[in-house]
Protein backbone atom coordinates (compact mmCIF):
# COMPACT_ATOMS: atom_id res chain seq x y z
CA UNK A 1 -0.05 -0.02 -0.04
CA UNK A 2 1.00 3.65 -0.50
CA UNK A 3 0.20 5.33 2.77
CA UNK A 4 0.19 9.12 3.54
CA UNK A 5 0.60 10.00 7.22
CA UNK A 6 -0.52 13.46 8.26
CA UNK A 7 0.20 15.44 11.51
CA UNK A 8 0.70 19.05 12.48
CA UNK A 9 4.25 18.56 13.51
CA UNK A 10 6.84 16.17 14.91
CA UNK A 11 7.33 18.11 18.18
CA UNK A 12 7.80 16.41 21.46
CA UNK A 13 4.58 14.41 22.36
CA UNK A 14 3.11 10.97 22.33
CA UNK A 15 0.94 11.18 19.15
CA UNK A 16 3.94 12.74 17.25
CA UNK A 17 6.26 9.88 18.37
CA UNK A 18 3.59 7.22 17.54
CA UNK A 19 3.24 8.55 13.97
CA UNK A 20 6.91 8.11 13.61
CA UNK A 21 6.95 4.69 15.12
CA UNK A 22 3.98 3.55 12.97
CA UNK A 23 5.55 5.03 9.65
CA UNK A 24 8.80 3.15 10.52
CA UNK A 25 6.94 -0.10 11.14
CA UNK A 26 4.86 0.18 8.01
CA UNK A 27 7.93 0.78 5.97
CA UNK A 28 9.68 -2.16 7.45
CA UNK A 29 6.71 -4.30 6.49
CA UNK A 30 7.09 -3.27 2.82
CA UNK A 31 4.64 -0.50 2.54
CA UNK A 32 5.42 2.96 0.86
CA UNK A 33 5.00 5.69 3.40
CA UNK A 34 5.07 9.49 3.09
CA UNK A 35 4.91 11.43 6.49
CA UNK A 36 3.53 14.97 6.00
CA UNK A 37 3.85 17.73 8.59
CA UNK A 38 2.25 21.28 8.55
CA UNK A 39 4.31 23.55 10.85
CA UNK A 40 7.47 24.96 9.79
CA UNK A 41 10.24 23.14 11.36
CA UNK A 42 13.03 25.22 10.05
CA UNK A 43 12.03 28.52 11.78
CA UNK A 44 10.98 26.55 14.96
CA UNK A 45 13.21 23.45 15.37
CA UNK A 46 11.16 22.31 18.33
CA UNK A 47 8.58 21.35 15.62
CA UNK A 48 10.85 18.50 14.32
CA UNK A 49 12.04 16.93 17.55
CA UNK A 50 10.82 13.40 16.70
CA UNK A 51 12.07 13.68 13.05
CA UNK A 52 15.50 12.22 14.57
CA UNK A 53 13.64 8.95 15.06
CA UNK A 54 12.33 8.62 11.55
CA UNK A 55 13.39 5.87 9.45
CA UNK A 56 15.23 7.06 6.16
CA UNK A 57 12.98 4.89 4.17
CA UNK A 58 10.11 7.05 5.17
CA UNK A 59 9.62 10.06 2.77
CA UNK A 60 9.22 13.17 4.87
CA UNK A 61 7.53 16.25 3.66
CA UNK A 62 7.18 19.57 5.53
CA UNK A 63 4.58 21.99 4.00
CA UNK A 64 5.32 24.79 6.19
CA UNK A 65 1.78 25.75 6.78
CA UNK A 66 0.80 28.19 9.47
CA UNK A 67 -2.15 27.63 11.87
CA UNK A 68 -5.54 28.48 10.53
CA UNK A 69 -7.66 26.98 7.71
CA UNK A 70 -7.79 28.55 4.23
CA UNK A 71 -8.54 27.36 0.57
CA UNK A 72 -4.97 28.09 -0.33
CA UNK A 73 -3.73 25.70 2.36
CA UNK A 74 -6.19 22.95 1.35
CA UNK A 75 -5.04 23.38 -2.28
CA UNK A 76 -1.40 22.82 -1.16
CA UNK A 77 -2.32 19.78 0.72
CA UNK A 78 -4.39 18.30 -2.17
CA UNK A 79 -1.57 18.98 -4.66
CA UNK A 80 0.70 16.85 -2.35
CA UNK A 81 -2.14 14.06 -2.28
CA UNK A 82 -2.11 14.42 -6.23
CA UNK A 83 1.66 13.94 -6.60
CA UNK A 84 1.97 11.06 -3.87
CA UNK A 85 -1.22 9.22 -5.11
CA UNK A 86 -1.79 7.42 -1.77
CA UNK A 87 -4.22 4.50 -1.43
CA UNK A 88 -4.63 5.52 2.33
CA UNK A 89 -4.49 8.91 4.03
CA UNK A 90 -4.08 8.48 7.75
CA UNK A 91 -4.95 11.75 9.73
CA UNK A 92 -3.56 12.22 13.32
CA UNK A 93 -4.88 14.94 15.76
CA UNK A 94 -7.20 17.58 14.45
CA UNK A 95 -5.97 17.89 10.88
CA UNK A 96 -9.20 16.52 9.28
CA UNK A 97 -10.65 19.82 8.32
CA UNK A 98 -7.98 20.08 5.60
CA UNK A 99 -9.34 16.94 4.22
CA UNK A 100 -13.11 17.51 4.22
CA UNK A 101 -13.30 18.57 0.48
CA UNK A 102 -11.06 15.65 -0.59
CA UNK A 103 -13.22 13.23 1.32
CA UNK A 104 -16.09 14.23 -0.67
CA UNK A 105 -14.50 14.73 -4.18
CA UNK A 106 -12.22 11.56 -4.12
CA UNK A 107 -13.82 8.46 -2.90
CA UNK A 108 -11.08 6.27 -4.19
CA UNK A 109 -8.78 7.28 -1.42
CA UNK A 110 -9.64 5.84 2.05
CA UNK A 111 -9.14 8.44 4.82
CA UNK A 112 -8.66 7.40 8.38
CA UNK A 113 -8.44 9.65 11.34
CA UNK A 114 -6.88 8.32 14.54
CA UNK A 115 -8.28 10.12 17.74
CA UNK A 116 -5.35 10.28 20.21
CA UNK A 117 -7.47 11.25 23.10
CA UNK A 118 -10.97 11.08 24.62
CA UNK A 119 -13.56 12.03 21.92
CA UNK A 120 -14.55 15.37 23.54
CA UNK A 121 -10.98 16.60 23.39
CA UNK A 122 -10.43 15.93 19.67
CA UNK A 123 -12.44 18.68 17.89
CA UNK A 124 -11.93 22.50 17.84
CA UNK A 125 -15.60 23.85 18.36
CA UNK A 126 -19.33 22.73 18.11
CA UNK A 127 -19.63 23.41 14.51
CA UNK A 128 -16.59 21.27 13.71
CA UNK A 129 -18.31 18.37 15.96
CA UNK A 130 -21.28 18.39 13.54
CA UNK A 131 -19.19 18.41 10.57
CA UNK A 132 -17.07 15.58 11.86
CA UNK A 133 -20.13 13.45 12.75
CA UNK A 134 -21.29 13.88 9.21
CA UNK A 135 -18.03 12.45 7.79
CA UNK A 136 -17.59 9.91 10.32
CA UNK A 137 -21.37 8.78 9.98
CA UNK A 138 -21.08 8.43 6.22
CA UNK A 139 -17.58 6.76 6.39
CA UNK A 140 -16.10 9.57 4.23
CA UNK A 141 -13.46 9.81 7.13
CA UNK A 142 -13.15 6.72 9.17
CA UNK A 143 -12.38 7.26 12.80
CA UNK A 144 -10.10 5.12 14.79
CA UNK A 145 -9.58 5.06 18.77
CA UNK A 146 -6.52 4.24 20.72
CA UNK A 147 -7.94 2.72 23.80
CA UNK A 148 -11.26 1.07 25.01
CA UNK A 149 -11.78 4.23 27.21
CA UNK A 150 -11.36 6.44 24.04
CA UNK A 151 -13.66 4.18 22.08
CA UNK A 152 -16.41 4.30 24.71
CA UNK A 153 -16.11 8.23 24.83
CA UNK A 154 -16.34 8.36 20.97
CA UNK A 155 -19.49 6.10 20.81
CA UNK A 156 -21.22 7.99 23.65
CA UNK A 157 -20.39 11.32 22.06
CA UNK A 158 -21.21 10.70 18.43
CA UNK A 159 -23.84 8.00 18.98
CA UNK A 160 -21.83 5.81 16.46
CA UNK A 161 -21.49 2.14 17.49
CA UNK A 162 -18.56 -0.22 16.66
CA UNK A 163 -15.92 2.23 15.85
CA UNK A 164 -12.53 0.54 15.30
CA UNK A 165 -10.17 0.51 18.28
CA UNK A 166 -6.49 -0.08 17.93
CA UNK A 167 -4.38 0.21 21.19
CA UNK A 168 -1.30 2.13 20.74
CA UNK A 169 1.98 0.48 20.59
CA UNK A 170 5.55 1.22 20.60
CA UNK A 171 8.93 -0.28 19.68
CA UNK A 172 10.93 -2.04 22.57
CA UNK A 173 13.38 0.30 24.21
CA UNK A 174 16.78 -0.61 23.63
CA UNK A 175 19.98 1.06 25.03
CA UNK A 176 21.40 3.93 23.06
CA UNK A 177 24.93 4.82 22.49
CA UNK A 178 24.37 7.25 25.42
CA UNK A 179 23.29 4.66 27.73
CA UNK A 180 26.62 4.10 29.75
CA UNK A 181 26.81 8.03 30.25
CA UNK A 182 23.12 8.28 31.15
CA UNK A 183 23.62 5.31 33.79
CA UNK A 184 26.48 7.32 35.48
CA UNK A 185 24.47 10.48 35.47
CA UNK A 186 21.48 8.91 37.13
CA UNK A 187 23.92 7.02 39.71
CA UNK A 188 25.05 10.74 40.66
CA UNK A 189 21.67 11.81 41.56
CA UNK A 190 21.30 9.10 44.10
CA UNK A 191 22.31 9.41 47.73
CA UNK A 192 22.84 5.61 47.89
CA UNK A 193 23.02 2.68 45.49
CA UNK A 194 19.77 0.93 46.74
CA UNK A 195 17.27 3.80 46.63
CA UNK A 196 14.63 3.67 43.97
CA UNK A 197 14.64 5.86 40.99
CA UNK A 198 11.26 7.24 39.77
CA UNK A 199 10.93 8.99 36.31
CA UNK A 200 8.21 11.29 34.90
CA UNK A 201 8.29 12.01 31.13
CA UNK A 202 6.06 14.83 29.84
CA UNK A 203 6.06 18.43 28.86
CA UNK A 204 5.04 20.96 31.58
CA UNK A 205 1.23 21.38 31.11
CA UNK A 206 -1.82 21.81 33.42
CA UNK A 207 -3.33 18.68 32.01
CA UNK A 208 -0.19 16.65 33.17
CA UNK A 209 -1.03 17.74 36.83
CA UNK A 210 2.65 17.99 37.84
CA UNK A 211 1.66 20.24 40.76
CA UNK A 212 0.28 16.99 42.38
CA UNK A 213 3.43 14.97 41.25
CA UNK A 214 5.81 17.48 43.00
CA UNK A 215 3.56 17.89 46.08
CA UNK A 216 3.20 14.16 46.57
CA UNK A 217 6.87 13.59 46.24
CA UNK A 218 7.56 16.55 48.64
CA UNK A 219 5.42 14.80 51.15
CA UNK A 220 7.30 11.55 50.54
CA UNK A 221 10.50 13.11 51.33
CA UNK A 222 9.27 14.13 54.72
CA UNK A 223 8.69 10.51 55.72
CA UNK A 224 11.00 8.55 53.41
CA UNK A 225 13.90 10.59 51.72
CA UNK A 226 15.78 7.89 50.08
CA UNK A 227 14.55 8.31 46.56
CA UNK A 228 15.22 10.10 43.27
CA UNK A 229 12.76 11.53 40.97
CA UNK A 230 13.76 12.39 37.41
CA UNK A 231 11.50 14.78 35.35
CA UNK A 232 12.14 14.72 31.89
CA UNK A 233 10.39 17.21 29.42
CA UNK A 234 10.28 20.77 28.16
CA UNK A 235 8.34 23.70 29.33
CA UNK A 236 9.62 23.96 32.97
CA UNK A 237 11.47 27.19 32.30
CA UNK A 238 8.22 29.03 32.05
CA UNK A 239 7.33 31.20 35.03
CA UNK A 240 4.94 28.56 36.46
CA UNK A 241 7.56 25.90 35.63
CA UNK A 242 10.28 27.67 37.42
CA UNK A 243 7.87 28.14 40.42
CA UNK A 244 7.42 24.38 40.52
CA UNK A 245 11.07 23.85 40.40
CA UNK A 246 11.70 26.17 43.32
CA UNK A 247 9.26 24.35 45.54
CA UNK A 248 10.57 20.84 44.65
CA UNK A 249 12.53 19.00 47.32
CA UNK A 250 16.24 18.14 46.59
CA UNK A 251 15.29 14.60 45.54
CA UNK A 252 13.54 15.80 42.52
CA UNK A 253 15.60 16.74 39.39
CA UNK A 254 14.39 18.48 36.38
CA UNK A 255 16.41 17.40 33.30
CA UNK A 256 14.71 19.13 30.49
CA UNK A 257 14.08 17.63 27.05
CA UNK A 258 16.19 14.46 26.24
CA UNK A 259 16.50 12.74 22.94
CA UNK A 260 17.52 9.41 24.79
CA UNK A 261 14.43 9.16 27.05
CA UNK A 262 14.65 5.41 26.86
CA UNK A 263 18.08 5.32 28.49
CA UNK A 264 16.51 7.03 31.64
CA UNK A 265 13.62 4.53 31.70
CA UNK A 266 16.10 1.72 31.59
CA UNK A 267 17.92 3.23 34.54
CA UNK A 268 14.69 3.68 36.50
CA UNK A 269 12.52 1.51 38.87
CA UNK A 270 9.10 3.18 38.54
CA UNK A 271 7.20 5.51 36.06
CA UNK A 272 5.09 8.26 37.26
CA UNK A 273 2.15 10.09 35.61
CA UNK A 274 -0.34 12.20 37.53
CA UNK A 275 -2.42 13.42 34.42
CA UNK A 276 -6.03 14.76 34.64
CA UNK A 277 -6.69 12.73 31.46
CA UNK A 278 -4.87 10.72 28.87
CA UNK A 279 -5.56 8.80 25.67
CA UNK A 280 -3.12 6.09 25.81
CA UNK A 281 0.23 7.62 26.54
CA UNK A 282 3.21 6.28 24.54
CA UNK A 283 5.56 7.04 27.39
CA UNK A 284 3.58 4.57 29.54
CA UNK A 285 4.15 1.85 26.99
CA UNK A 286 7.76 2.57 26.73
CA UNK A 287 8.13 2.31 30.53
CA UNK A 288 6.44 -0.98 30.51
CA UNK A 289 8.92 -2.20 27.75
CA UNK A 290 11.65 -1.28 30.15
CA UNK A 291 10.12 -3.04 33.15
CA UNK A 292 9.43 0.35 34.99
CA UNK A 293 6.50 -0.14 37.36
CA UNK A 294 3.77 2.38 36.49
CA UNK A 295 2.41 4.53 39.28
CA UNK A 296 -0.35 6.55 37.63
CA UNK A 297 -3.63 8.44 38.03
CA UNK A 298 -6.58 6.25 36.89
CA UNK A 299 -7.65 8.38 33.79
CA UNK A 300 -8.43 7.57 30.15
CA UNK A 301 -6.57 4.80 28.40
CA UNK A 302 -4.22 4.32 31.36
CA UNK A 303 -6.99 2.16 33.01
CA UNK A 304 -7.13 -0.05 29.96
CA UNK A 305 -3.36 -0.87 30.28
CA UNK A 306 -2.92 -0.91 33.93
CA UNK A 307 -4.80 -3.23 36.49
CA UNK A 308 -4.15 -1.91 39.92
CA UNK A 309 -1.76 -4.04 42.16
CA UNK A 310 -1.27 -6.31 39.25
CA UNK A 311 0.90 -4.58 36.68
CA UNK A 312 1.06 -1.05 38.22
CA UNK A 313 -0.58 1.19 40.73
CA UNK A 314 -3.59 3.42 40.26
CA UNK A 315 -4.76 6.35 42.24
CA UNK A 316 -7.40 9.26 42.05
CA UNK A 317 -6.40 12.16 39.64
CA UNK A 318 -7.37 14.53 42.22
CA UNK A 319 -5.91 13.15 45.56
CA UNK A 320 -2.37 13.93 46.45
CA UNK A 321 -2.71 11.53 49.58
CA UNK A 322 -3.96 8.57 47.38
CA UNK A 323 -0.92 9.06 45.15
CA UNK A 324 1.42 9.30 48.02
CA UNK A 325 0.05 6.01 49.40
CA UNK A 326 0.73 4.32 46.07
CA UNK A 327 4.45 5.64 46.35
CA UNK A 328 4.85 4.49 49.74
CA UNK A 329 3.49 1.01 48.96
CA UNK A 330 5.90 0.66 45.97
CA UNK A 331 8.81 1.63 48.18
CA UNK A 332 7.69 -0.96 50.99
CA UNK A 333 7.15 -3.67 48.47
CA UNK A 334 9.41 -3.05 45.42
CA UNK A 335 9.46 -6.62 44.19
CA UNK A 336 5.59 -7.00 44.26
CA UNK A 337 5.53 -6.40 40.49
CA UNK A 338 8.73 -7.58 38.64
CA UNK A 339 10.34 -6.07 35.58
CA UNK A 340 10.22 -9.42 33.69
CA UNK A 341 6.46 -9.59 34.03
CA UNK A 342 5.98 -6.04 32.86
CA UNK A 343 8.29 -6.72 29.73
CA UNK A 344 6.40 -9.90 28.95
CA UNK A 345 3.05 -8.14 29.33
CA UNK A 346 4.32 -5.20 26.91
CA UNK A 347 5.36 -7.88 24.30
CA UNK A 348 2.13 -9.64 24.22
CA UNK A 349 -0.04 -6.69 24.13
CA UNK A 350 1.53 -3.24 22.98
CA UNK A 351 4.46 -4.11 20.60
CA UNK A 352 4.66 -1.93 17.60
CA UNK A 353 4.44 -4.79 15.40
CA UNK A 354 1.15 -6.01 16.86
CA UNK A 355 -0.26 -2.43 16.59
CA UNK A 356 0.90 -1.91 12.99
CA UNK A 357 -0.49 -5.27 11.79
CA UNK A 358 -4.01 -4.18 13.25
CA UNK A 359 -3.76 -0.88 11.21
CA UNK A 360 -2.91 -2.86 8.03
CA UNK A 361 -5.85 -5.07 8.38
CA UNK A 362 -8.02 -2.08 8.88
CA UNK A 363 -6.59 -0.32 5.83
CA UNK A 364 -7.22 -3.45 3.79
CA UNK A 365 -10.85 -3.72 4.66
C-alpha cells in the first residue's frame, strides 16, 4: 500500500512519536510511506524533535503551513495528495478539516482519522463536531480510537457504535549509544545505590497535573527521603514551571528535554504519571517495555493498560494523599511487580508490530 501519514508537526509528544513509530514499522513491513507535517520545522526546530527517530526509508514532507484554515492551504495539501497518489490517508490529531473537500471529491482514497485522546478533546468547536459527525457517519472519514476508554467516549459522544479501536503500541526500548553516560548520570543523583529511581516523562502542562506530582513527592521526602525523581520534558523554564522547580525537594531533578528518554527509563525503577486525562500515553508503553513499574492516576486509556496492584498502581487524579499512598506502597514492596512480568506483558499486548498489523488489516478492509 501507498500510505500518507499527516500530523501538524513532529514536536515532542506522544501522538507525534507514535506517528513516527507507525511510519517506520509500516515501511519495514514493505509499504510505501510519506509522512507530511504542516508546521514550519526550520524556523521553529522544536517542531521537528521526533524527526530524528524517523526511518530514512520514510519520505518526509514539511509543507510549512501556518495555523488556520484556508482554501490556499487546502489546495497545497491536495496537490501533495495528487503527487503522492496514496491509497490511504491517515490523519492524526485535528488535521481532518483540511481533508473535508477531498473526502467528498475523491472517494477512491480511504481517509482514516486516529483520535489520540478522549473524543470530546479531539475537535475544535461545536460546528466542527457536527461536521466531523457527518463525515464519520457516512464513512467519508473513518475514525479510529487508541484505547477502550477512548472508544467508549467516542461512541457515547457521536452515537456511533462499533468504531474501530487499535491500542497504541511502541517499539521495544533498547539502550542507545548514550546509555553508559546516562547510567553514570543517574547514579550521581542518588544518595545511595539501593534507593529507587522514579521517572516522569511529559512536557510541563496543566493537564499533566505536575503540581500534584511534586507535592506528593515533597511529602514523600518528609517521611522517606531515600529516593530520586527524574522529570524529563520541556516547558519547565516558564514562570509557572520555574515556580514548580523552586518548591521541589532536593530529591527531584528537572532534566529538560532529552533525545534518549529510553536510557533514563532503563535506569529507573518506576514510572510516574499524574495526569487529569490521557488517551493512551506512549511514554507509559515505553516504560512497560523497560520494566518500569507504572504509578499513575486512573484516567483515560491508562486504566485499559494498568490493572491496580497487578501490573502497576492507580490512584485518584485529584488526590495527593492517594498518590502518596501508592508511592509508599511501592517503596515498601518494590518486588511486588517484577520487571520481567511487565516486559512480557508489553510484548504480548503493546508491541509496535502488533499495533501496525492491526492498522494494516483495517486499511485493507
